C-alpha cells in the first residue's frame, strides 16, 4: 500500500507537538489550529483524537508528570520525599511555561493522581498521620513549584554600578545572574534539606510518644 501523504496522527504525537508549542511560544500560544499546522493536518482531524484544547492540556500535563519519580518511597519516606521533590522540580524546569497549569493541582489526570497517591501512601505507611502527610505533600509542592516559577538569582541586574552606596550589602549582587542556575539549584537543595531535617525530628517525636 502507498504511504499516506500526511503522517498518521496518534495521541502521543499530538501531545508532544502541543508540548513543543508551549515550550517554544508559551501556554497561551497553544491552539488547535496552530497544533494542526505544526502536524501538517487539518484542525478537524485532531478532534478524532482529542476533544479539545482543555483536554489536550491535561494530557500534556499528565505526560510531563510521568517523569516524576516516586519510587524512593519504597525505601523510606525521607528518600522518597527527596527523590520526588528533585524529579518534580526537574520536570517543571524542563517545561517552565507549563508550570502555572501544573501548579493548579492534579485535577482528574491519571498520572498526577497516581503520583499523589504514591506520595501520600509512602508517608502514611511510614507512620505519618493523614493530616501531616497532606501538609508535607503540600509543603514540598510549594517548595518545588516556587523554585520552578522563576529564578531568584537571575532577577538581579548584572551591572555593578546599579549597586551603589544605597545598597551596601549588595556589592556582589551583579555576579548573581552569571551563576543563576547553580545558585538556584543549590538554594533548592538547601531548602529541601532543611525541610527533611525538620520533618525527621518531628517524625521521631510523633512516632516515639509514649502511649
N, C-alpha and C. Protein backbone atom coordinates (compact mmCIF):
# COMPACT_ATOMS: atom_id res chain seq x y z
N UNK A 1 0.84 -1.20 0.00
CA UNK A 1 0.00 0.00 0.00
C UNK A 1 0.88 1.25 0.00
N UNK A 2 0.45 2.30 -0.71
CA UNK A 2 1.24 3.54 -0.69
C UNK A 2 1.16 4.19 0.69
N UNK A 3 2.21 4.90 1.03
CA UNK A 3 2.24 5.59 2.32
C UNK A 3 1.32 6.80 2.27
N UNK A 4 0.65 7.12 3.40
CA UNK A 4 -0.22 8.30 3.39
C UNK A 4 0.58 9.57 3.17
N UNK A 5 -0.07 10.55 2.50
CA UNK A 5 0.63 11.79 2.20
C UNK A 5 0.93 12.57 3.47
N UNK A 6 0.10 12.45 4.50
CA UNK A 6 0.33 13.10 5.79
C UNK A 6 0.69 12.05 6.83
N UNK A 7 1.60 12.36 7.74
CA UNK A 7 1.94 11.40 8.78
C UNK A 7 0.71 11.05 9.61
N UNK A 8 0.62 9.80 10.02
CA UNK A 8 -0.50 9.36 10.82
C UNK A 8 -0.47 10.04 12.19
N UNK A 9 -1.64 10.42 12.66
CA UNK A 9 -1.75 11.04 13.97
C UNK A 9 -1.86 9.96 15.04
N UNK A 10 -1.41 10.32 16.22
CA UNK A 10 -1.57 9.46 17.38
C UNK A 10 -1.67 10.37 18.60
N UNK A 11 -2.27 9.91 19.68
CA UNK A 11 -2.35 10.74 20.89
C UNK A 11 -0.99 11.22 21.36
N UNK A 12 0.01 10.34 21.32
CA UNK A 12 1.35 10.74 21.78
C UNK A 12 1.95 11.79 20.86
N UNK A 13 1.79 11.64 19.58
CA UNK A 13 2.35 12.61 18.64
C UNK A 13 1.68 13.97 18.80
N UNK A 14 0.38 13.97 19.01
CA UNK A 14 -0.35 15.22 19.23
C UNK A 14 0.10 15.87 20.53
N UNK A 15 0.23 15.07 21.57
CA UNK A 15 0.64 15.59 22.88
C UNK A 15 2.03 16.20 22.82
N UNK A 16 2.96 15.52 22.18
CA UNK A 16 4.33 16.01 22.10
C UNK A 16 4.43 17.28 21.26
N UNK A 17 3.66 17.34 20.19
CA UNK A 17 3.66 18.55 19.36
C UNK A 17 3.07 19.73 20.14
N UNK A 18 2.03 19.47 20.92
CA UNK A 18 1.46 20.51 21.76
C UNK A 18 2.45 21.01 22.78
N UNK A 19 3.20 20.09 23.37
CA UNK A 19 4.21 20.48 24.35
C UNK A 19 5.32 21.30 23.70
N UNK A 20 5.69 20.97 22.48
CA UNK A 20 6.70 21.75 21.76
C UNK A 20 6.24 23.20 21.58
N UNK A 21 4.97 23.38 21.23
CA UNK A 21 4.44 24.73 21.04
C UNK A 21 4.50 25.51 22.36
N UNK A 22 4.09 24.87 23.44
CA UNK A 22 4.11 25.52 24.75
C UNK A 22 5.53 25.88 25.15
N UNK A 23 6.45 24.95 24.95
CA UNK A 23 7.86 25.22 25.31
C UNK A 23 8.44 26.38 24.50
N UNK A 24 8.08 26.44 23.24
CA UNK A 24 8.66 27.46 22.36
C UNK A 24 7.98 28.82 22.49
N UNK A 25 6.64 28.81 22.62
CA UNK A 25 5.88 30.06 22.48
C UNK A 25 5.07 30.44 23.72
N UNK A 26 4.90 29.53 24.65
CA UNK A 26 4.13 29.83 25.84
C UNK A 26 2.79 29.13 25.86
N UNK A 27 2.20 29.08 27.03
CA UNK A 27 0.94 28.35 27.23
C UNK A 27 -0.19 28.91 26.39
N UNK A 28 -0.29 30.24 26.32
CA UNK A 28 -1.40 30.86 25.60
C UNK A 28 -1.29 30.67 24.08
N UNK A 29 -0.11 30.29 23.61
CA UNK A 29 0.08 30.13 22.16
C UNK A 29 -0.53 28.85 21.63
N UNK A 30 -0.82 27.91 22.51
CA UNK A 30 -1.37 26.63 22.05
C UNK A 30 -2.81 26.81 21.59
N UNK A 31 -3.07 26.40 20.37
CA UNK A 31 -4.43 26.37 19.83
C UNK A 31 -4.53 25.15 18.93
N UNK A 32 -5.72 24.69 18.69
CA UNK A 32 -5.90 23.52 17.84
C UNK A 32 -5.47 23.83 16.41
N UNK A 33 -5.68 25.06 15.96
CA UNK A 33 -5.27 25.43 14.60
C UNK A 33 -3.74 25.42 14.48
N UNK A 34 -3.06 26.03 15.47
CA UNK A 34 -1.60 26.06 15.42
C UNK A 34 -1.03 24.65 15.53
N UNK A 35 -1.65 23.84 16.37
CA UNK A 35 -1.21 22.45 16.52
C UNK A 35 -1.37 21.68 15.21
N UNK A 36 -2.50 21.89 14.55
CA UNK A 36 -2.73 21.22 13.26
C UNK A 36 -1.68 21.64 12.24
N UNK A 37 -1.36 22.93 12.21
CA UNK A 37 -0.32 23.41 11.29
C UNK A 37 1.02 22.75 11.60
N UNK A 38 1.32 22.63 12.88
CA UNK A 38 2.58 22.00 13.28
C UNK A 38 2.66 20.55 12.81
N UNK A 39 1.51 19.87 12.84
CA UNK A 39 1.46 18.45 12.48
C UNK A 39 1.20 18.23 10.99
N UNK A 40 0.91 19.31 10.26
CA UNK A 40 0.65 19.18 8.83
C UNK A 40 -0.67 18.52 8.50
N UNK A 41 -1.69 18.78 9.34
CA UNK A 41 -3.01 18.20 9.12
C UNK A 41 -4.06 19.30 9.24
N UNK A 42 -5.32 18.96 8.95
CA UNK A 42 -6.41 19.88 9.16
C UNK A 42 -6.84 19.83 10.62
N UNK A 43 -7.24 20.97 11.15
CA UNK A 43 -7.62 21.04 12.57
C UNK A 43 -8.73 20.05 12.91
N UNK A 44 -9.66 19.85 11.98
CA UNK A 44 -10.79 18.95 12.26
C UNK A 44 -10.32 17.53 12.56
N UNK A 45 -9.21 17.11 11.95
CA UNK A 45 -8.74 15.74 12.15
C UNK A 45 -8.23 15.50 13.56
N UNK A 46 -7.83 16.59 14.25
CA UNK A 46 -7.35 16.44 15.63
C UNK A 46 -8.45 15.97 16.57
N UNK A 47 -9.68 16.37 16.25
CA UNK A 47 -10.79 16.07 17.15
C UNK A 47 -11.16 14.58 17.14
N UNK A 48 -10.58 13.83 16.23
CA UNK A 48 -10.76 12.37 16.28
C UNK A 48 -9.93 11.75 17.39
N UNK A 49 -8.97 12.54 17.93
CA UNK A 49 -8.04 12.01 18.92
C UNK A 49 -8.13 12.72 20.27
N UNK A 50 -8.56 13.97 20.25
CA UNK A 50 -8.65 14.74 21.48
C UNK A 50 -9.86 15.67 21.39
N UNK A 51 -10.70 15.73 22.45
CA UNK A 51 -11.94 16.52 22.36
C UNK A 51 -11.72 18.02 22.16
N UNK A 52 -10.63 18.57 22.69
CA UNK A 52 -10.41 19.99 22.56
C UNK A 52 -9.16 20.42 23.29
N UNK A 53 -8.93 21.73 23.32
CA UNK A 53 -7.69 22.26 23.89
C UNK A 53 -7.57 21.96 25.38
N UNK A 54 -8.65 22.11 26.14
CA UNK A 54 -8.58 21.88 27.58
C UNK A 54 -8.17 20.45 27.89
N UNK A 55 -8.78 19.52 27.20
CA UNK A 55 -8.44 18.11 27.41
C UNK A 55 -7.00 17.83 26.98
N UNK A 56 -6.58 18.48 25.90
CA UNK A 56 -5.20 18.30 25.43
C UNK A 56 -4.21 18.81 26.47
N UNK A 57 -4.49 19.95 27.08
CA UNK A 57 -3.60 20.48 28.11
C UNK A 57 -3.44 19.50 29.26
N UNK A 58 -4.52 18.87 29.65
CA UNK A 58 -4.44 17.89 30.73
C UNK A 58 -3.60 16.68 30.30
N UNK A 59 -3.75 16.28 29.04
CA UNK A 59 -2.94 15.17 28.53
C UNK A 59 -1.46 15.54 28.51
N UNK A 60 -1.17 16.75 28.08
CA UNK A 60 0.23 17.22 28.05
C UNK A 60 0.80 17.27 29.46
N UNK A 61 0.04 17.85 30.39
CA UNK A 61 0.50 17.94 31.78
C UNK A 61 0.71 16.56 32.38
N UNK A 62 -0.18 15.64 32.08
CA UNK A 62 -0.04 14.29 32.62
C UNK A 62 1.19 13.60 32.05
N UNK A 63 1.49 13.89 30.78
CA UNK A 63 2.69 13.32 30.18
C UNK A 63 3.96 13.82 30.85
N UNK A 64 3.98 15.10 31.20
CA UNK A 64 5.14 15.67 31.90
C UNK A 64 5.30 15.02 33.27
N UNK A 65 4.19 14.73 33.93
CA UNK A 65 4.25 14.13 35.27
C UNK A 65 4.79 12.71 35.25
N UNK A 66 4.83 12.07 34.10
CA UNK A 66 5.39 10.72 34.02
C UNK A 66 6.88 10.69 34.34
N UNK A 67 7.53 11.85 34.22
CA UNK A 67 8.96 11.93 34.53
C UNK A 67 9.23 12.07 36.02
N UNK A 68 8.18 12.26 36.81
CA UNK A 68 8.33 12.44 38.26
C UNK A 68 8.48 11.08 38.93
N UNK A 69 9.53 10.94 39.72
CA UNK A 69 9.91 9.66 40.32
C UNK A 69 9.45 9.58 41.77
N UNK A 70 8.59 8.64 42.06
CA UNK A 70 8.13 8.43 43.45
C UNK A 70 8.58 7.07 43.99
N UNK A 71 9.51 6.43 43.29
CA UNK A 71 9.95 5.09 43.71
C UNK A 71 10.73 5.12 45.01
N UNK A 72 11.28 6.28 45.38
CA UNK A 72 12.06 6.36 46.61
C UNK A 72 11.27 6.04 47.86
N UNK A 73 9.95 6.17 47.80
CA UNK A 73 9.13 5.85 48.96
C UNK A 73 9.16 4.36 49.28
N UNK A 74 9.61 3.56 48.34
CA UNK A 74 9.77 2.12 48.62
C UNK A 74 10.91 1.87 49.60
N UNK A 75 11.84 2.81 49.71
CA UNK A 75 12.95 2.70 50.67
C UNK A 75 12.55 3.27 52.03
N UNK A 76 12.30 4.56 52.06
CA UNK A 76 11.83 5.21 53.29
C UNK A 76 11.24 6.56 52.90
N UNK A 77 10.52 7.16 53.82
CA UNK A 77 9.78 8.38 53.48
C UNK A 77 10.72 9.53 53.13
N UNK A 78 11.86 9.65 53.82
CA UNK A 78 12.77 10.77 53.56
C UNK A 78 13.40 10.65 52.18
N UNK A 79 13.84 9.44 51.81
CA UNK A 79 14.37 9.21 50.47
C UNK A 79 13.31 9.49 49.42
N UNK A 80 12.11 9.04 49.70
CA UNK A 80 11.01 9.27 48.78
C UNK A 80 10.73 10.74 48.57
N UNK A 81 10.76 11.50 49.66
CA UNK A 81 10.48 12.92 49.57
C UNK A 81 11.55 13.64 48.75
N UNK A 82 12.81 13.30 49.00
CA UNK A 82 13.90 13.93 48.24
C UNK A 82 13.81 13.59 46.75
N UNK A 83 13.61 12.30 46.46
CA UNK A 83 13.55 11.86 45.06
C UNK A 83 12.38 12.49 44.34
N UNK A 84 11.24 12.50 44.99
CA UNK A 84 10.04 13.10 44.40
C UNK A 84 10.27 14.58 44.14
N UNK A 85 10.76 15.31 45.14
CA UNK A 85 10.95 16.76 45.00
C UNK A 85 11.93 17.09 43.88
N UNK A 86 13.05 16.38 43.84
CA UNK A 86 14.07 16.67 42.82
C UNK A 86 13.58 16.36 41.42
N UNK A 87 12.91 15.23 41.24
CA UNK A 87 12.44 14.87 39.90
C UNK A 87 11.26 15.74 39.48
N UNK A 88 10.44 16.13 40.44
CA UNK A 88 9.32 17.03 40.17
C UNK A 88 9.86 18.37 39.69
N UNK A 89 10.86 18.90 40.40
CA UNK A 89 11.45 20.18 40.01
C UNK A 89 12.08 20.08 38.62
N UNK A 90 12.80 18.99 38.37
CA UNK A 90 13.45 18.82 37.06
C UNK A 90 12.41 18.80 35.94
N UNK A 91 11.28 18.15 36.18
CA UNK A 91 10.22 18.10 35.17
C UNK A 91 9.66 19.49 34.90
N UNK A 92 9.49 20.28 35.95
CA UNK A 92 8.95 21.63 35.78
C UNK A 92 9.96 22.56 35.13
N UNK A 93 11.22 22.46 35.55
CA UNK A 93 12.27 23.30 34.97
C UNK A 93 12.39 23.06 33.46
N UNK A 94 12.15 21.81 33.05
CA UNK A 94 12.26 21.47 31.62
C UNK A 94 11.13 22.10 30.80
N UNK A 95 10.03 22.45 31.46
CA UNK A 95 8.87 23.00 30.75
C UNK A 95 8.29 24.17 31.54
N UNK A 96 9.03 25.26 31.66
CA UNK A 96 8.63 26.36 32.55
C UNK A 96 7.29 27.00 32.20
N UNK A 97 6.94 27.03 30.92
CA UNK A 97 5.67 27.67 30.54
C UNK A 97 4.46 26.88 31.03
N UNK A 98 4.68 25.61 31.34
CA UNK A 98 3.57 24.76 31.79
C UNK A 98 3.40 24.79 33.30
N UNK A 99 4.33 25.40 34.01
CA UNK A 99 4.30 25.39 35.48
C UNK A 99 3.00 25.95 36.05
N UNK A 100 2.49 27.10 35.58
CA UNK A 100 1.24 27.61 36.16
C UNK A 100 0.08 26.63 36.03
N UNK A 101 0.03 25.91 34.94
CA UNK A 101 -1.05 24.95 34.75
C UNK A 101 -0.88 23.76 35.69
N UNK A 102 0.34 23.26 35.80
CA UNK A 102 0.61 22.13 36.69
C UNK A 102 0.43 22.51 38.15
N UNK A 103 0.70 23.76 38.47
CA UNK A 103 0.59 24.21 39.86
C UNK A 103 -0.84 24.20 40.38
N UNK A 104 -1.80 24.19 39.47
CA UNK A 104 -3.20 24.27 39.89
C UNK A 104 -3.69 22.99 40.54
N UNK A 105 -2.96 21.89 40.39
CA UNK A 105 -3.36 20.65 41.04
C UNK A 105 -3.48 19.50 40.06
N UNK A 106 -3.66 18.27 40.57
CA UNK A 106 -3.70 17.10 39.68
C UNK A 106 -4.98 16.98 38.89
N UNK A 107 -6.05 17.67 39.32
CA UNK A 107 -7.35 17.54 38.67
C UNK A 107 -7.72 16.07 38.54
N UNK A 108 -8.15 15.65 37.35
CA UNK A 108 -8.51 14.24 37.14
C UNK A 108 -7.44 13.50 36.34
N UNK A 109 -6.25 14.07 36.30
CA UNK A 109 -5.19 13.46 35.50
C UNK A 109 -4.68 12.19 36.16
N UNK A 110 -4.70 11.10 35.41
CA UNK A 110 -4.39 9.78 35.95
C UNK A 110 -2.99 9.70 36.53
N UNK A 111 -1.98 10.12 35.76
CA UNK A 111 -0.60 10.00 36.24
C UNK A 111 -0.37 10.90 37.45
N UNK A 112 -0.87 12.12 37.40
CA UNK A 112 -0.70 13.05 38.52
C UNK A 112 -1.35 12.50 39.78
N UNK A 113 -2.52 11.90 39.65
CA UNK A 113 -3.19 11.33 40.81
C UNK A 113 -2.44 10.11 41.33
N UNK A 114 -1.87 9.32 40.43
CA UNK A 114 -1.08 8.17 40.87
C UNK A 114 0.16 8.63 41.64
N UNK A 115 0.82 9.70 41.17
CA UNK A 115 1.98 10.23 41.88
C UNK A 115 1.56 10.74 43.26
N UNK A 116 0.45 11.46 43.32
CA UNK A 116 -0.05 11.98 44.60
C UNK A 116 -0.40 10.84 45.54
N UNK A 117 -0.99 9.79 45.01
CA UNK A 117 -1.34 8.63 45.82
C UNK A 117 -0.10 7.95 46.38
N UNK A 118 0.93 7.83 45.55
CA UNK A 118 2.18 7.20 46.00
C UNK A 118 2.85 8.02 47.10
N UNK A 119 2.83 9.35 46.95
CA UNK A 119 3.44 10.22 47.96
C UNK A 119 2.68 10.09 49.28
N UNK A 120 1.37 10.21 49.21
CA UNK A 120 0.57 10.14 50.43
C UNK A 120 0.68 8.75 51.07
N UNK A 121 0.64 7.72 50.24
CA UNK A 121 0.77 6.37 50.77
C UNK A 121 2.12 6.11 51.39
N UNK A 122 3.17 6.62 50.76
CA UNK A 122 4.52 6.44 51.30
C UNK A 122 4.68 7.10 52.65
N UNK A 123 4.05 8.26 52.82
CA UNK A 123 4.15 8.99 54.08
C UNK A 123 3.32 8.32 55.18
N UNK A 124 2.10 7.97 54.87
CA UNK A 124 1.25 7.37 55.90
C UNK A 124 1.76 5.98 56.28
N UNK A 125 2.32 5.25 55.32
CA UNK A 125 2.87 3.92 55.63
C UNK A 125 4.07 4.03 56.57
N UNK A 126 4.75 5.17 56.56
CA UNK A 126 5.90 5.40 57.43
C UNK A 126 5.49 5.90 58.80
N UNK A 127 4.19 6.02 59.03
CA UNK A 127 3.73 6.43 60.35
C UNK A 127 3.26 7.87 60.46
N UNK A 128 3.33 8.62 59.36
CA UNK A 128 2.84 9.98 59.41
C UNK A 128 1.31 9.97 59.47
N UNK A 129 0.72 10.73 60.39
CA UNK A 129 -0.75 10.84 60.39
C UNK A 129 -1.24 11.45 59.08
N UNK A 130 -2.48 11.13 58.74
CA UNK A 130 -3.05 11.60 57.47
C UNK A 130 -2.89 13.12 57.30
N UNK A 131 -3.19 13.87 58.34
CA UNK A 131 -3.13 15.33 58.25
C UNK A 131 -1.71 15.80 57.95
N UNK A 132 -0.74 15.21 58.64
CA UNK A 132 0.65 15.60 58.41
C UNK A 132 1.10 15.20 57.01
N UNK A 133 0.67 14.02 56.55
CA UNK A 133 1.05 13.59 55.20
C UNK A 133 0.54 14.57 54.15
N UNK A 134 -0.69 15.05 54.35
CA UNK A 134 -1.25 16.04 53.44
C UNK A 134 -0.44 17.33 53.47
N UNK A 135 -0.09 17.79 54.67
CA UNK A 135 0.66 19.04 54.79
C UNK A 135 2.08 18.91 54.25
N UNK A 136 2.69 17.74 54.43
CA UNK A 136 4.04 17.52 53.89
C UNK A 136 4.01 17.53 52.37
N UNK A 137 3.00 16.87 51.80
CA UNK A 137 2.86 16.90 50.35
C UNK A 137 2.68 18.31 49.83
N UNK A 138 1.84 19.08 50.52
CA UNK A 138 1.59 20.46 50.10
C UNK A 138 2.85 21.31 50.26
N UNK A 139 3.55 21.17 51.39
CA UNK A 139 4.75 21.97 51.65
C UNK A 139 5.83 21.69 50.61
N UNK A 140 5.99 20.43 50.26
CA UNK A 140 7.00 20.06 49.26
C UNK A 140 6.64 20.62 47.90
N UNK A 141 5.35 20.56 47.57
CA UNK A 141 4.90 21.10 46.29
C UNK A 141 5.14 22.60 46.24
N UNK A 142 4.87 23.31 47.35
CA UNK A 142 5.12 24.75 47.38
C UNK A 142 6.59 25.05 47.09
N UNK A 143 7.46 24.25 47.70
CA UNK A 143 8.90 24.44 47.51
C UNK A 143 9.29 24.20 46.06
N UNK A 144 8.79 23.12 45.49
CA UNK A 144 9.14 22.75 44.12
C UNK A 144 8.60 23.77 43.12
N UNK A 145 7.32 24.06 43.22
CA UNK A 145 6.70 24.98 42.26
C UNK A 145 7.29 26.38 42.39
N UNK A 146 7.52 26.82 43.62
CA UNK A 146 8.12 28.13 43.82
C UNK A 146 9.50 28.23 43.19
N UNK A 147 10.29 27.17 43.31
CA UNK A 147 11.63 27.19 42.74
C UNK A 147 11.62 27.12 41.22
N UNK A 148 10.53 26.58 40.67
CA UNK A 148 10.45 26.44 39.21
C UNK A 148 9.76 27.63 38.54
N UNK A 149 9.09 28.46 39.32
CA UNK A 149 8.35 29.58 38.74
C UNK A 149 9.26 30.66 38.17
N UNK A 150 10.44 30.78 38.73
CA UNK A 150 11.38 31.79 38.26
C UNK A 150 12.67 31.72 39.02
N UNK A 151 13.68 32.40 38.51
CA UNK A 151 14.99 32.37 39.13
C UNK A 151 15.17 33.56 40.06
N UNK A 152 15.53 33.29 41.31
CA UNK A 152 15.87 34.35 42.26
C UNK A 152 17.11 35.10 41.78
N UNK A 153 18.13 34.36 41.44
CA UNK A 153 19.42 34.98 41.10
C UNK A 153 19.38 35.77 39.81
N UNK A 154 18.63 35.27 38.83
CA UNK A 154 18.57 35.95 37.53
C UNK A 154 17.78 37.24 37.58
N UNK A 155 17.12 37.51 38.70
CA UNK A 155 16.33 38.73 38.81
C UNK A 155 17.14 39.96 39.18
N UNK A 156 18.44 39.79 39.44
CA UNK A 156 19.28 40.93 39.80
C UNK A 156 20.01 41.46 38.56
N UNK A 157 20.02 42.77 38.35
CA UNK A 157 20.79 43.33 37.22
C UNK A 157 22.27 42.98 37.35
N UNK A 158 22.92 42.79 36.20
CA UNK A 158 24.34 42.40 36.25
C UNK A 158 25.28 43.58 36.04
N UNK A 159 24.76 44.81 36.13
CA UNK A 159 25.62 45.99 36.04
C UNK A 159 26.05 46.40 37.46
N UNK A 160 27.34 46.35 37.71
CA UNK A 160 27.86 46.63 39.05
C UNK A 160 27.48 48.02 39.55
N UNK A 161 27.35 48.98 38.62
CA UNK A 161 27.09 50.36 39.04
C UNK A 161 25.70 50.55 39.63
N UNK A 162 24.81 49.57 39.41
CA UNK A 162 23.46 49.67 39.98
C UNK A 162 23.52 49.66 41.51
N UNK A 163 24.49 48.93 42.04
CA UNK A 163 24.56 48.71 43.48
C UNK A 163 25.53 49.72 44.11
N UNK A 164 25.03 50.94 44.26
CA UNK A 164 25.86 52.00 44.81
C UNK A 164 25.74 52.01 46.33
N UNK A 165 26.07 53.12 46.94
CA UNK A 165 26.10 53.20 48.40
C UNK A 165 24.73 53.03 49.04
N UNK A 166 23.68 53.12 48.22
CA UNK A 166 22.34 52.90 48.78
C UNK A 166 22.11 51.44 49.15
N UNK A 167 22.88 50.53 48.51
CA UNK A 167 22.70 49.09 48.74
C UNK A 167 24.03 48.47 49.16
N UNK A 168 24.51 48.82 50.33
CA UNK A 168 25.86 48.41 50.73
C UNK A 168 26.04 46.90 50.88
N UNK A 169 24.95 46.20 51.11
CA UNK A 169 25.07 44.75 51.31
C UNK A 169 24.89 43.97 50.01
N UNK A 170 24.69 44.67 48.92
CA UNK A 170 24.51 44.01 47.62
C UNK A 170 25.69 44.30 46.69
N UNK A 171 26.86 44.49 47.27
CA UNK A 171 28.01 44.88 46.46
C UNK A 171 28.47 43.78 45.51
N UNK A 172 28.00 42.54 45.71
CA UNK A 172 28.38 41.46 44.78
C UNK A 172 27.15 40.90 44.05
N UNK A 173 26.03 41.58 44.17
CA UNK A 173 24.80 41.08 43.56
C UNK A 173 24.88 41.05 42.04
N UNK A 174 25.74 41.86 41.45
CA UNK A 174 25.86 41.87 39.99
C UNK A 174 26.43 40.55 39.45
N UNK A 175 26.98 39.73 40.33
CA UNK A 175 27.55 38.44 39.91
C UNK A 175 26.51 37.32 39.92
N UNK A 176 25.35 37.57 40.52
CA UNK A 176 24.36 36.51 40.71
C UNK A 176 23.84 35.95 39.38
N UNK A 177 23.53 36.83 38.45
CA UNK A 177 22.92 36.35 37.20
C UNK A 177 23.83 35.36 36.47
N UNK A 178 25.12 35.61 36.50
CA UNK A 178 26.06 34.73 35.81
C UNK A 178 26.04 33.31 36.36
N UNK A 179 25.74 33.19 37.64
CA UNK A 179 25.75 31.87 38.30
C UNK A 179 24.34 31.46 38.72
N UNK A 180 23.33 31.97 38.02
CA UNK A 180 21.95 31.79 38.45
C UNK A 180 21.54 30.32 38.56
N UNK A 181 21.85 29.51 37.55
CA UNK A 181 21.41 28.11 37.57
C UNK A 181 22.01 27.36 38.76
N UNK A 182 23.30 27.59 39.00
CA UNK A 182 23.96 26.92 40.12
C UNK A 182 23.39 27.38 41.46
N UNK A 183 23.23 28.69 41.62
CA UNK A 183 22.72 29.23 42.88
C UNK A 183 21.29 28.77 43.13
N UNK A 184 20.48 28.79 42.09
CA UNK A 184 19.08 28.36 42.25
C UNK A 184 18.99 26.89 42.62
N UNK A 185 19.80 26.05 41.99
CA UNK A 185 19.79 24.62 42.31
C UNK A 185 20.27 24.38 43.74
N UNK A 186 21.34 25.07 44.13
CA UNK A 186 21.86 24.91 45.49
C UNK A 186 20.88 25.44 46.53
N UNK A 187 20.19 26.51 46.20
CA UNK A 187 19.20 27.08 47.11
C UNK A 187 18.04 26.10 47.31
N UNK A 188 17.63 25.46 46.23
CA UNK A 188 16.57 24.45 46.34
C UNK A 188 17.03 23.30 47.23
N UNK A 189 18.26 22.84 47.04
CA UNK A 189 18.78 21.74 47.86
C UNK A 189 18.88 22.14 49.33
N UNK A 190 19.25 23.39 49.58
CA UNK A 190 19.33 23.87 50.97
C UNK A 190 17.95 23.84 51.62
N UNK A 191 16.95 24.34 50.91
CA UNK A 191 15.60 24.36 51.45
C UNK A 191 15.04 22.95 51.62
N UNK A 192 15.33 22.08 50.66
CA UNK A 192 14.86 20.70 50.76
C UNK A 192 15.50 19.99 51.95
N UNK A 193 16.79 20.18 52.15
CA UNK A 193 17.49 19.58 53.28
C UNK A 193 16.91 20.08 54.60
N UNK A 194 16.66 21.38 54.67
CA UNK A 194 16.08 21.94 55.89
C UNK A 194 14.70 21.36 56.17
N UNK A 195 13.91 21.21 55.12
CA UNK A 195 12.58 20.63 55.27
C UNK A 195 12.66 19.19 55.77
N UNK A 196 13.48 18.38 55.12
CA UNK A 196 13.57 16.96 55.50
C UNK A 196 14.15 16.82 56.90
N UNK A 197 15.16 17.62 57.24
CA UNK A 197 15.76 17.53 58.58
C UNK A 197 14.74 17.87 59.67
N UNK A 198 13.98 18.92 59.45
CA UNK A 198 12.98 19.30 60.46
C UNK A 198 11.86 18.27 60.54
N UNK A 199 11.49 17.71 59.40
CA UNK A 199 10.46 16.67 59.41
C UNK A 199 10.96 15.39 60.07
N UNK A 200 12.24 15.10 59.92
CA UNK A 200 12.81 13.91 60.57
C UNK A 200 12.69 14.02 62.08
N UNK A 201 12.97 15.19 62.62
CA UNK A 201 12.83 15.39 64.06
C UNK A 201 11.37 15.29 64.49
N UNK A 202 10.48 15.87 63.69
CA UNK A 202 9.06 15.81 64.01
C UNK A 202 8.55 14.38 63.94
N UNK A 203 9.00 13.64 62.94
CA UNK A 203 8.58 12.25 62.78
C UNK A 203 9.01 11.43 64.00
N UNK A 204 10.21 11.67 64.46
CA UNK A 204 10.71 10.96 65.65
C UNK A 204 9.82 11.27 66.86
N UNK A 205 9.45 12.53 67.03
CA UNK A 205 8.61 12.92 68.16
C UNK A 205 7.23 12.28 68.06
N UNK A 206 6.68 12.25 66.85
CA UNK A 206 5.32 11.70 66.69
C UNK A 206 5.26 10.20 66.84
N UNK A 207 6.31 9.52 66.42
CA UNK A 207 6.29 8.05 66.43
C UNK A 207 6.89 7.42 67.68
N UNK A 208 7.45 8.24 68.55
CA UNK A 208 8.04 7.67 69.79
C UNK A 208 7.33 8.17 71.04
N UNK A 209 6.18 8.82 70.86
CA UNK A 209 5.42 9.26 72.02
C UNK A 209 4.95 8.07 72.84
N UNK A 210 5.06 8.14 74.16
CA UNK A 210 4.55 7.03 74.98
C UNK A 210 3.04 6.96 74.90
N UNK A 211 2.51 5.78 75.00
CA UNK A 211 1.06 5.60 74.94
C UNK A 211 0.40 6.23 76.18
